[in-house]
Amino acid sequence: MRPFIAAFLSFLLNGLGQIYNGQIKKAVIFIFISLVFIVSLVIGLLLVFKSFLLMATPGYSFSFLAKGVITITISGFILCLNALVSIIDAYMYARSHADNSKSSASR
C-alpha cells in the first residue's frame, strides 16, 4: 500500500482511502458521516434561502437565518474535521502497513 495514494483517495472522497487500505467498515462510517452532514449543510442553505424569501414579509424574525447559519457552520466544521481525520487515518494506516511489509520482507 502506498500512503500518499491512500491519502489522496481520502481527499477525493472521505472513506475511499480506507477502501484502498481494505478497511471497509471504517470507510462506510466515514462516508455515512459525510453524507449526513452534507444533507445537514443543504438544509442549512435552504433555511438561509427561506429567510431571504421571507425578509419582505411583515413580522419577519431572523430565526430562519440564524438557524441556517448555525447549521451551515456546524456542518461545515464537522465535514472538514471528518475529511481531515479520514485523510490522516488512511495515510497512517497505509504507512504502518507498508513499514510492516518492508520489515517482514527483509527477514
Foldseek 3Di string as FASTA:
>chain_A
DALVVLLVLLLVPQLRLCVVVVNNVVSVVLNVLLVVLVVLLVQLVVLCVVLVVCVPPPPRDCPSVVVSVVSNVVSVVVNVVSSVVSSVVSNVSVVVVVVVVVVVVVD
